[in-house]
Amino acid sequence: MARKGKSASTSALAELHEMLAQVFIDDLRQSREENIPLPAANLGVIRQFLKDNEITASIDADDMASIRDEFADELAQRRAQNKAKLANVLAEDDTAFLMQ
């Protein structure tokens, strides 16, 4: 026996969609403010919601430049630290070799 039901109106579905999006936004904000991570299941639902609604992010050139600069500075700092460590190890090995 086929069940006939009422379909929701477009305006009701649009309101439901907006309310759901707002719940996700509120959850993310609360999580960030309280520094409590959302469960993976919640994040998965949010991710799927964005995917289902074809929401994508485009990378801003200025943002990419600042990220590149940030990592370049970090990389340069790590290289300098590694170079100093290597110089110390080599100096110790040279000294030990000369002492033999």
PDB file of N, CA and C in Angstrom:
ATOM      1  N   MET A   1       0.846  -1.165   0.000  1.00  0.00           N
ATOM      2  CA  MET A   1       0.000   0.000   0.000  1.00  0.00           C
ATOM      3  C   MET A   1       0.895   1.233   0.000  1.00  0.00           C
ATOM      4  N   ALA A   2       0.792   2.043  -1.005  1.00  0.00           N
ATOM      5  CA  ALA A   2       1.604   3.245  -1.137  1.00  0.00           C
ATOM      6  C   ALA A   2       1.111   4.299  -0.166  1.00  0.00           C
ATOM      7  N   ARG A   3       2.063   4.973   0.413  1.00  0.00           N
ATOM      8  CA  ARG A   3       1.724   6.006   1.380  1.00  0.00           C
ATOM      9  C   ARG A   3       1.824   7.353   0.708  1.00  0.00           C
ATOM     10  N   LYS A   4       0.754   8.093   0.750  1.00  0.00           N
ATOM     11  CA  LYS A   4       0.767   9.434   0.184  1.00  0.00           C
ATOM     12  C   LYS A   4       1.033  10.416   1.315  1.00  0.00           C
ATOM     13  N   GLY A   5       1.994  11.277   1.093  1.00  0.00           N
ATOM     14  CA  GLY A   5       2.294  12.263   2.106  1.00  0.00           C
ATOM     15  C   GLY A   5       2.353  13.643   1.501  1.00  0.00           C
ATOM     16  N   LYS A   6       2.363  14.591   2.372  1.00  0.00           N
ATOM     17  CA  LYS A   6       2.493  15.977   1.926  1.00  0.00           C
ATOM     18  C   LYS A   6       3.964  16.284   1.750  1.00  0.00           C
ATOM     19  N   SER A   7       4.280  16.949   0.708  1.00  0.00           N
ATOM     20  CA  SER A   7       5.652  17.391   0.557  1.00  0.00           C
ATOM     21  C   SER A   7       5.762  18.800   1.145  1.00  0.00           C
ATOM     22  N   ALA A   8       6.931  19.074   1.673  1.00  0.00           N
ATOM     23  CA  ALA A   8       7.145  20.377   2.306  1.00  0.00           C
ATOM     24  C   ALA A   8       7.229  21.460   1.243  1.00  0.00           C
ATOM     25  N   SER A   9       6.819  22.624   1.625  1.00  0.00           N
ATOM     26  CA  SER A   9       6.895  23.750   0.700  1.00  0.00           C
ATOM     27  C   SER A   9       8.353  24.191   0.558  1.00  0.00           C
ATOM     28  N   THR A  10       8.625  24.845  -0.534  1.00  0.00           N
ATOM     29  CA  THR A  10       9.970  25.344  -0.784  1.00  0.00           C
ATOM     30  C   THR A  10      10.404  26.315   0.301  1.00  0.00           C
ATOM     31  N   SER A  11       9.484  27.152   0.754  1.00  0.00           N
ATOM     32  CA  SER A  11       9.843  28.121   1.793  1.00  0.00           C
ATOM     33  C   SER A  11      10.141  27.426   3.115  1.00  0.00           C
ATOM     34  N   ALA A  12       9.407  26.349   3.423  1.00  0.00           N
ATOM     35  CA  ALA A  12       9.680  25.604   4.655  1.00  0.00           C
ATOM     36  C   ALA A  12      11.042  24.929   4.572  1.00  0.00           C
ATOM     37  N   LEU A  13      11.365  24.364   3.429  1.00  0.00           N
ATOM     38  CA  LEU A  13      12.668  23.724   3.249  1.00  0.00           C
ATOM     39  C   LEU A  13      13.805  24.740   3.305  1.00  0.00           C
ATOM     40  N   ALA A  14      13.584  25.896   2.730  1.00  0.00           N
ATOM     41  CA  ALA A  14      14.600  26.956   2.778  1.00  0.00           C
ATOM     42  C   ALA A  14      14.835  27.392   4.218  1.00  0.00           C
ATOM     43  N   GLU A  15      13.766  27.508   4.997  1.00  0.00           N
ATOM     44  CA  GLU A  15      13.900  27.897   6.406  1.00  0.00           C
ATOM     45  C   GLU A  15      14.641  26.813   7.189  1.00  0.00           C
ATOM     46  N   LEU A  16      14.306  25.559   6.938  1.00  0.00           N
ATOM     47  CA  LEU A  16      14.981  24.450   7.596  1.00  0.00           C
ATOM     48  C   LEU A  16      16.475  24.454   7.252  1.00  0.00           C
ATOM     49  N   HIS A  17      16.778  24.669   5.996  1.00  0.00           N
ATOM     50  CA  HIS A  17      18.167  24.732   5.535  1.00  0.00           C
ATOM     51  C   HIS A  17      18.920  25.841   6.257  1.00  0.00           C
ATOM     52  N   GLU A  18      18.316  27.003   6.343  1.00  0.00           N
ATOM     53  CA  GLU A  18      18.957  28.138   7.017  1.00  0.00           C
ATOM     54  C   GLU A  18      19.151  27.865   8.503  1.00  0.00           C
ATOM     55  N   MET A  19      18.150  27.259   9.129  1.00  0.00           N
ATOM     56  CA  MET A  19      18.255  26.948  10.555  1.00  0.00           C
ATOM     57  C   MET A  19      19.366  25.937  10.817  1.00  0.00           C
ATOM     58  N   LEU A  20      19.467  24.928   9.951  1.00  0.00           N
ATOM     59  CA  LEU A  20      20.518  23.927  10.100  1.00  0.00           C
ATOM     60  C   LEU A  20      21.895  24.558   9.934  1.00  0.00           C
ATOM     61  N   ALA A  21      22.028  25.413   8.952  1.00  0.00           N
ATOM     62  CA  ALA A  21      23.304  26.112   8.741  1.00  0.00           C
ATOM     63  C   ALA A  21      23.658  26.943   9.974  1.00  0.00           C
ATOM     64  N   GLN A  22      22.671  27.594  10.568  1.00  0.00           N
ATOM     65  CA  GLN A  22      22.919  28.423  11.752  1.00  0.00           C
ATOM     66  C   GLN A  22      23.341  27.566  12.947  1.00  0.00           C
ATOM     67  N   VAL A  23      22.751  26.386  13.084  1.00  0.00           N
ATOM     68  CA  VAL A  23      23.161  25.472  14.158  1.00  0.00           C
ATOM     69  C   VAL A  23      24.630  25.094  13.989  1.00  0.00           C
ATOM     70  N   PHE A  24      25.021  24.791  12.765  1.00  0.00           N
ATOM     71  CA  PHE A  24      26.420  24.442  12.505  1.00  0.00           C
ATOM     72  C   PHE A  24      27.346  25.607  12.848  1.00  0.00           C
ATOM     73  N   ILE A  25      26.961  26.794  12.442  1.00  0.00           N
ATOM     74  CA  ILE A  25      27.771  27.983  12.721  1.00  0.00           C
ATOM     75  C   ILE A  25      27.889  28.202  14.220  1.00  0.00           C
ATOM     76  N   ASP A  26      26.768  28.094  14.924  1.00  0.00           N
ATOM     77  CA  ASP A  26      26.780  28.279  16.386  1.00  0.00           C
ATOM     78  C   ASP A  26      27.667  27.243  17.069  1.00  0.00           C
ATOM     79  N   ASP A  27      27.568  25.983  16.622  1.00  0.00           N
ATOM     80  CA  ASP A  27      28.406  24.921  17.198  1.00  0.00           C
ATOM     81  C   ASP A  27      29.886  25.201  16.983  1.00  0.00           C
ATOM     82  N   LEU A  28      30.241  25.620  15.775  1.00  0.00           N
ATOM     83  CA  LEU A  28      31.643  25.921  15.480  1.00  0.00           C
ATOM     84  C   LEU A  28      32.149  27.103  16.300  1.00  0.00           C
ATOM     85  N   ARG A  29      31.335  28.131  16.410  1.00  0.00           N
ATOM     86  CA  ARG A  29      31.752  29.306  17.211  1.00  0.00           C
ATOM     87  C   ARG A  29      31.937  28.936  18.673  1.00  0.00           C
ATOM     88  N   GLN A  30      30.980  28.183  19.222  1.00  0.00           N
ATOM     89  CA  GLN A  30      31.083  27.785  20.619  1.00  0.00           C
ATOM     90  C   GLN A  30      32.323  26.919  20.842  1.00  0.00           C
ATOM     91  N   SER A  31      32.561  26.015  19.924  1.00  0.00           N
ATOM     92  CA  SER A  31      33.731  25.156  20.019  1.00  0.00           C
ATOM     93  C   SER A  31      35.013  25.975  20.038  1.00  0.00           C
ATOM     94  N   ARG A  32      35.088  26.962  19.162  1.00  0.00           N
ATOM     95  CA  ARG A  32      36.279  27.810  19.086  1.00  0.00           C
ATOM     96  C   ARG A  32      36.421  28.661  20.344  1.00  0.00           C
ATOM     97  N   GLU A  33      35.323  29.283  20.794  1.00  0.00           N
ATOM     98  CA  GLU A  33      35.376  30.157  21.973  1.00  0.00           C
ATOM     99  C   GLU A  33      35.769  29.396  23.226  1.00  0.00           C
ATOM    100  N   GLU A  34      35.264  28.172  23.376  1.00  0.00           N
ATOM    101  CA  GLU A  34      35.539  27.381  24.569  1.00  0.00           C
ATOM    102  C   GLU A  34      36.755  26.481  24.408  1.00  0.00           C
ATOM    103  N   ASN A  35      37.376  26.549  23.217  1.00  0.00           N
ATOM    104  CA  ASN A  35      38.561  25.748  22.927  1.00  0.00           C
ATOM    105  C   ASN A  35      38.314  24.260  23.173  1.00  0.00           C
ATOM    106  N   ILE A  36      37.115  23.814  22.762  1.00  0.00           N
ATOM    107  CA  ILE A  36      36.740  22.411  22.876  1.00  0.00           C
ATOM    108  C   ILE A  36      36.486  21.900  21.464  1.00  0.00           C
ATOM    109  N   PRO A  37      37.226  20.905  21.032  1.00  0.00           N
ATOM    110  CA  PRO A  37      37.035  20.418  19.665  1.00  0.00           C
ATOM    111  C   PRO A  37      35.675  19.745  19.488  1.00  0.00           C
ATOM    112  N   LEU A  38      35.092  19.942  18.317  1.00  0.00           N
ATOM    113  CA  LEU A  38      33.855  19.248  17.988  1.00  0.00           C
ATOM    114  C   LEU A  38      34.179  17.787  17.701  1.00  0.00           C
ATOM    115  N   PRO A  39      33.258  16.890  18.028  1.00  0.00           N
ATOM    116  CA  PRO A  39      33.474  15.482  17.685  1.00  0.00           C
ATOM    117  C   PRO A  39      33.615  15.314  16.168  1.00  0.00           C
ATOM    118  N   ALA A  40      34.380  14.325  15.779  1.00  0.00           N
ATOM    119  CA  ALA A  40      34.609  14.069  14.357  1.00  0.00           C
ATOM    120  C   ALA A  40      33.297  13.858  13.606  1.00  0.00           C
ATOM    121  N   ALA A  41      32.332  13.225  14.251  1.00  0.00           N
ATOM    122  CA  ALA A  41      31.038  12.984  13.596  1.00  0.00           C
ATOM    123  C   ALA A  41      30.356  14.310  13.257  1.00  0.00           C
ATOM    124  N   ASN A  42      30.417  15.276  14.167  1.00  0.00           N
ATOM    125  CA  ASN A  42      29.809  16.591  13.901  1.00  0.00           C
ATOM    126  C   ASN A  42      30.518  17.285  12.745  1.00  0.00           C
ATOM    127  N   LEU A  43      31.829  17.221  12.754  1.00  0.00           N
ATOM    128  CA  LEU A  43      32.587  17.846  11.670  1.00  0.00           C
ATOM    129  C   LEU A  43      32.286  17.174  10.335  1.00  0.00           C
ATOM    130  N   GLY A  44      32.102  15.869  10.366  1.00  0.00           N
ATOM    131  CA  GLY A  44      31.757  15.149   9.150  1.00  0.00           C
ATOM    132  C   GLY A  44      30.411  15.575   8.593  1.00  0.00           C
ATOM    133  N   VAL A  45      29.452  15.799   9.479  1.00  0.00           N
ATOM    134  CA  VAL A  45      28.126  16.249   9.047  1.00  0.00           C
ATOM    135  C   VAL A  45      28.224  17.643   8.434  1.00  0.00           C
ATOM    136  N   ILE A  46      28.997  18.511   9.061  1.00  0.00           N
ATOM    137  CA  ILE A  46      29.170  19.869   8.540  1.00  0.00           C
ATOM    138  C   ILE A  46      29.863  19.827   7.178  1.00  0.00           C
ATOM    139  N   ARG A  47      30.896  19.011   7.063  1.00  0.00           N
ATOM    140  CA  ARG A  47      31.610  18.874   5.801  1.00  0.00           C
ATOM    141  C   ARG A  47      30.683  18.383   4.697  1.00  0.00           C
ATOM    142  N   GLN A  48      29.867  17.395   5.022  1.00  0.00           N
ATOM    143  CA  GLN A  48      28.946  16.861   4.026  1.00  0.00           C
ATOM    144  C   GLN A  48      27.896  17.893   3.631  1.00  0.00           C
ATOM    145  N   PHE A  49      27.436  18.672   4.606  1.00  0.00           N
ATOM    146  CA  PHE A  49      26.469  19.741   4.333  1.00  0.00           C
ATOM    147  C   PHE A  49      27.062  20.739   3.340  1.00  0.00           C
ATOM    148  N   LEU A  50      28.308  21.120   3.570  1.00  0.00           N
ATOM    149  CA  LEU A  50      28.974  22.054   2.659  1.00  0.00           C
ATOM    150  C   LEU A  50      29.146  21.429   1.277  1.00  0.00           C
ATOM    151  N   LYS A  51      29.547  20.170   1.242  1.00  0.00           N
ATOM    152  CA  LYS A  51      29.743  19.488  -0.033  1.00  0.00           C
ATOM    153  C   LYS A  51      28.426  19.364  -0.792  1.00  0.00           C
ATOM    154  N   ASP A  52      27.371  18.982  -0.081  1.00  0.00           N
ATOM    155  CA  ASP A  52      26.055  18.824  -0.716  1.00  0.00           C
ATOM    156  C   ASP A  52      25.536  20.135  -1.294  1.00  0.00           C
ATOM    157  N   ASN A  53      25.965  21.235  -0.685  1.00  0.00           N
ATOM    158  CA  ASN A  53      25.525  22.548  -1.140  1.00  0.00           C
ATOM    159  C   ASN A  53      26.556  23.217  -2.046  1.00  0.00           C
ATOM    160  N   GLU A  54      27.545  22.427  -2.477  1.00  0.00           N
ATOM    161  CA  GLU A  54      28.586  22.883  -3.393  1.00  0.00           C
ATOM    162  C   GLU A  54      29.296  24.148  -2.909  1.00  0.00           C
ATOM    163  N   ILE A  55      29.590  24.146  -1.610  1.00  0.00           N
ATOM    164  CA  ILE A  55      30.313  25.265  -1.006  1.00  0.00           C
ATOM    165  C   ILE A  55      31.801  24.947  -1.086  1.00  0.00           C
ATOM    166  N   THR A  56      32.547  25.812  -1.712  1.00  0.00           N
ATOM    167  CA  THR A  56      33.990  25.643  -1.831  1.00  0.00           C
ATOM    168  C   THR A  56      34.670  26.931  -1.388  1.00  0.00           C
ATOM    169  N   ALA A  57      35.944  26.844  -1.187  1.00  0.00           N
ATOM    170  CA  ALA A  57      36.708  28.023  -0.799  1.00  0.00           C
ATOM    171  C   ALA A  57      37.743  28.316  -1.869  1.00  0.00           C
ATOM    172  N   SER A  58      37.887  29.563  -2.186  1.00  0.00           N
ATOM    173  CA  SER A  58      38.955  29.949  -3.092  1.00  0.00           C
ATOM    174  C   SER A  58      40.047  30.610  -2.270  1.00  0.00           C
ATOM    175  N   ILE A  59      41.258  30.408  -2.679  1.00  0.00           N
ATOM    176  CA  ILE A  59      42.399  30.922  -1.930  1.00  0.00           C
ATOM    177  C   ILE A  59      42.686  32.346  -2.381  1.00  0.00           C
ATOM    178  N   ASP A  60      42.743  33.221  -1.417  1.00  0.00           N
ATOM    179  CA  ASP A  60      43.063  34.618  -1.660  1.00  0.00           C
ATOM    180  C   ASP A  60      44.580  34.739  -1.844  1.00  0.00           C
ATOM    181  N   ALA A  61      45.002  35.456  -2.851  1.00  0.00           N
ATOM    182  CA  ALA A  61      46.436  35.605  -3.142  1.00  0.00           C
ATOM    183  C   ALA A  61      47.185  36.217  -1.963  1.00  0.00           C
ATOM    184  N   ASP A  62      46.574  37.187  -1.288  1.00  0.00           N
ATOM    185  CA  ASP A  62      47.231  37.809  -0.137  1.00  0.00           C
ATOM    186  C   ASP A  62      47.400  36.808   1.000  1.00  0.00           C
ATOM    187  N   ASP A  63      46.370  35.975   1.207  1.00  0.00           N
ATOM    188  CA  ASP A  63      46.464  34.954   2.241  1.00  0.00           C
ATOM    189  C   ASP A  63      47.590  33.970   1.929  1.00  0.00           C
ATOM    190  N   MET A  64      47.663  33.561   0.674  1.00  0.00           N
ATOM    191  CA  MET A  64      48.707  32.620   0.277  1.00  0.00           C
ATOM    192  C   MET A  64      50.094  33.242   0.457  1.00  0.00           C
ATOM    193  N   ALA A  65      50.224  34.514   0.137  1.00  0.00           N
ATOM    194  CA  ALA A  65      51.518  35.186   0.293  1.00  0.00           C
ATOM    195  C   ALA A  65      51.920  35.227   1.763  1.00  0.00           C
ATOM    196  N   SER A  66      50.973  35.523   2.641  1.00  0.00           N
ATOM    197  CA  SER A  66      51.313  35.594   4.068  1.00  0.00           C
ATOM    198  C   SER A  66      51.652  34.210   4.612  1.00  0.00           C
ATOM    199  N   ILE A  67      50.952  33.175   4.141  1.00  0.00           N
ATOM    200  CA  ILE A  67      51.267  31.813   4.568  1.00  0.00           C
ATOM    201  C   ILE A  67      52.649  31.416   4.060  1.00  0.00           C
ATOM    202  N   ARG A  68      52.935  31.730   2.813  1.00  0.00           N
ATOM    203  CA  ARG A  68      54.249  31.420   2.242  1.00  0.00           C
ATOM    204  C   ARG A  68      55.349  32.115   3.046  1.00  0.00           C
ATOM    205  N   ASP A  69      55.133  33.391   3.361  1.00  0.00           N
ATOM    206  CA  ASP A  69      56.128  34.139   4.120  1.00  0.00           C
ATOM    207  C   ASP A  69      56.316  33.568   5.518  1.00  0.00           C
ATOM    208  N   GLU A  70      55.201  33.177   6.135  1.00  0.00           N
ATOM    209  CA  GLU A  70      55.268  32.609   7.481  1.00  0.00           C
ATOM    210  C   GLU A  70      56.093  31.325   7.472  1.00  0.00           C
ATOM    211  N   PHE A  71      55.834  30.463   6.507  1.00  0.00           N
ATOM    212  CA  PHE A  71      56.578  29.219   6.442  1.00  0.00           C
ATOM    213  C   PHE A  71      58.012  29.437   5.989  1.00  0.00           C
ATOM    214  N   ALA A  72      58.243  30.435   5.170  1.00  0.00           N
ATOM    215  CA  ALA A  72      59.604  30.732   4.734  1.00  0.00           C
ATOM    216  C   ALA A  72      60.443  31.160   5.930  1.00  0.00           C
ATOM    217  N   ASP A  73      59.872  31.996   6.785  1.00  0.00           N
ATOM    218  CA  ASP A  73      60.583  32.430   7.985  1.00  0.00           C
ATOM    219  C   ASP A  73      60.866  31.246   8.908  1.00  0.00           C
ATOM    220  N   GLU A  74      59.863  30.385   9.076  1.00  0.00           N
ATOM    221  CA  GLU A  74      60.029  29.211   9.931  1.00  0.00           C
ATOM    222  C   GLU A  74      61.087  28.271   9.349  1.00  0.00           C
ATOM    223  N   LEU A  75      61.043  28.082   8.050  1.00  0.00           N
ATOM    224  CA  LEU A  75      62.027  27.221   7.387  1.00  0.00           C
ATOM    225  C   LEU A  75      63.436  27.784   7.542  1.00  0.00           C
ATOM    226  N   ALA A  76      63.594  29.078   7.357  1.00  0.00           N
ATOM    227  CA  ALA A  76      64.907  29.709   7.503  1.00  0.00           C
ATOM    228  C   ALA A  76      65.426  29.547   8.936  1.00  0.00           C
ATOM    229  N   GLN A  77      64.530  29.687   9.901  1.00  0.00           N
ATOM    230  CA  GLN A  77      64.921  29.541  11.304  1.00  0.00           C
ATOM    231  C   GLN A  77      65.364  28.098  11.584  1.00  0.00           C
ATOM    232  N   ARG A  78      64.609  27.135  11.093  1.00  0.00           N
ATOM    233  CA  ARG A  78      64.977  25.725  11.302  1.00  0.00           C
ATOM    234  C   ARG A  78      66.298  25.388  10.608  1.00  0.00           C
ATOM    235  N   ARG A  79      66.488  25.919   9.412  1.00  0.00           N
ATOM    236  CA  ARG A  79      67.748  25.671   8.708  1.00  0.00           C
ATOM    237  C   ARG A  79      68.931  26.232   9.492  1.00  0.00           C
ATOM    238  N   ALA A  80      68.756  27.421  10.052  1.00  0.00           N
ATOM    239  CA  ALA A  80      69.835  28.029  10.839  1.00  0.00           C
ATOM    240  C   ALA A  80      70.129  27.187  12.081  1.00  0.00           C
ATOM    241  N   GLN A  81      69.084  26.685  12.738  1.00  0.00           N
ATOM    242  CA  GLN A  81      69.277  25.834  13.921  1.00  0.00           C
ATOM    243  C   GLN A  81      69.992  24.538  13.547  1.00  0.00           C
ATOM    244  N   ASN A  82      69.562  23.932  12.442  1.00  0.00           N
ATOM    245  CA  ASN A  82      70.203  22.685  12.007  1.00  0.00           C
ATOM    246  C   ASN A  82      71.656  22.914  11.608  1.00  0.00           C
ATOM    247  N   LYS A  83      71.916  24.043  10.984  1.00  0.00           N
ATOM    248  CA  LYS A  83      73.286  24.375  10.583  1.00  0.00           C
ATOM    249  C   LYS A  83      74.170  24.535  11.819  1.00  0.00           C
ATOM    250  N   ALA A  84      73.636  25.203  12.846  1.00  0.00           N
ATOM    251  CA  ALA A  84      74.400  25.395  14.083  1.00  0.00           C
ATOM    252  C   ALA A  84      74.656  24.049  14.771  1.00  0.00           C
ATOM    253  N   LYS A  85      73.658  23.189  14.790  1.00  0.00           N
ATOM    254  CA  LYS A  85      73.839  21.862  15.397  1.00  0.00           C
ATOM    255  C   LYS A  85      74.902  21.070  14.645  1.00  0.00           C
ATOM    256  N   LEU A  86      74.823  21.113  13.333  1.00  0.00           N
ATOM    257  CA  LEU A  86      75.786  20.394  12.517  1.00  0.00           C
ATOM    258  C   LEU A  86      77.199  20.936  12.739  1.00  0.00           C
ATOM    259  N   ALA A  87      77.324  22.237  12.825  1.00  0.00           N
ATOM    260  CA  ALA A  87      78.637  22.851  13.063  1.00  0.00           C
ATOM    261  C   ALA A  87      79.197  22.393  14.406  1.00  0.00           C
ATOM    262  N   ASN A  88      78.341  22.306  15.419  1.00  0.00           N
ATOM    263  CA  ASN A  88      78.787  21.844  16.742  1.00  0.00           C
ATOM    264  C   ASN A  88      79.236  20.389  16.697  1.00  0.00           C
ATOM    265  N   VAL A  89      78.462  19.547  16.020  1.00  0.00           N
ATOM    266  CA  VAL A  89      78.815  18.130  15.920  1.00  0.00           C
ATOM    267  C   VAL A  89      80.131  17.973  15.170  1.00  0.00           C
ATOM    268  N   LEU A  90      80.281  18.687  14.069  1.00  0.00           N
ATOM    269  CA  LEU A  90      81.524  18.596  13.298  1.00  0.00           C
ATOM    270  C   LEU A  90      82.708  19.099  14.106  1.00  0.00           C
ATOM    271  N   ALA A  91      82.504  20.172  14.839  1.00  0.00           N
ATOM    272  CA  ALA A  91      83.592  20.716  15.663  1.00  0.00           C
ATOM    273  C   ALA A  91      83.990  19.721  16.741  1.00  0.00           C
ATOM    274  N   GLU A  92      83.013  19.057  17.354  1.00  0.00           N
ATOM    275  CA  GLU A  92      83.304  18.049  18.381  1.00  0.00           C
ATOM    276  C   GLU A  92      84.031  16.865  17.761  1.00  0.00           C
ATOM    277  N   ASP A  93      83.604  16.432  16.584  1.00  0.00           N
ATOM    278  CA  ASP A  93      84.269  15.307  15.925  1.00  0.00           C
ATOM    279  C   ASP A  93      85.695  15.669  15.545  1.00  0.00           C
ATOM    280  N   ASP A  94      85.910  16.871  15.045  1.00  0.00           N
ATOM    281  CA  ASP A  94      87.257  17.313  14.694  1.00  0.00           C
ATOM    282  C   ASP A  94      88.154  17.327  15.912  1.00  0.00           C
ATOM    283  N   THR A  95      87.631  17.830  17.022  1.00  0.00           N
ATOM    284  CA  THR A  95      88.404  17.895  18.254  1.00  0.00           C
ATOM    285  C   THR A  95      88.719  16.494  18.754  1.00  0.00           C
ATOM    286  N   ALA A  96      87.724  15.608  18.716  1.00  0.00           N
ATOM    287  CA  ALA A  96      87.946  14.239  19.179  1.00  0.00           C
ATOM    288  C   ALA A  96      88.978  13.543  18.283  1.00  0.00           C
ATOM    289  N   PHE A  97      88.915  13.779  16.983  1.00  0.00           N
ATOM    290  CA  PHE A  97      89.867  13.167  16.069  1.00  0.00           C
ATOM    291  C   PHE A  97      91.296  13.656  16.353  1.00  0.00           C
ATOM    292  N   LEU A  98      91.420  14.950  16.658  1.00  0.00           N
ATOM    293  CA  LEU A  98      92.742  15.512  16.928  1.00  0.00           C
ATOM    294  C   LEU A  98      93.311  15.017  18.262  1.00  0.00           C
ATOM    295  N   MET A  99      92.418  14.683  19.193  1.00  0.00           N
ATOM    296  CA  MET A  99      92.863  14.264  20.509  1.00  0.00           C
ATOM    297  C   MET A  99      93.337  12.820  20.513  1.00  0.00           C
ATOM    298  N   GLN A 100      93.028  12.042  19.480  1.00  0.00           N
ATOM    299  CA  GLN A 100      93.400  10.621  19.479  1.00  0.00           C
ATOM    300  C   GLN A 100      94.862  10.429  19.294  1.00  0.00           C
TER     301      GLN A 100
END
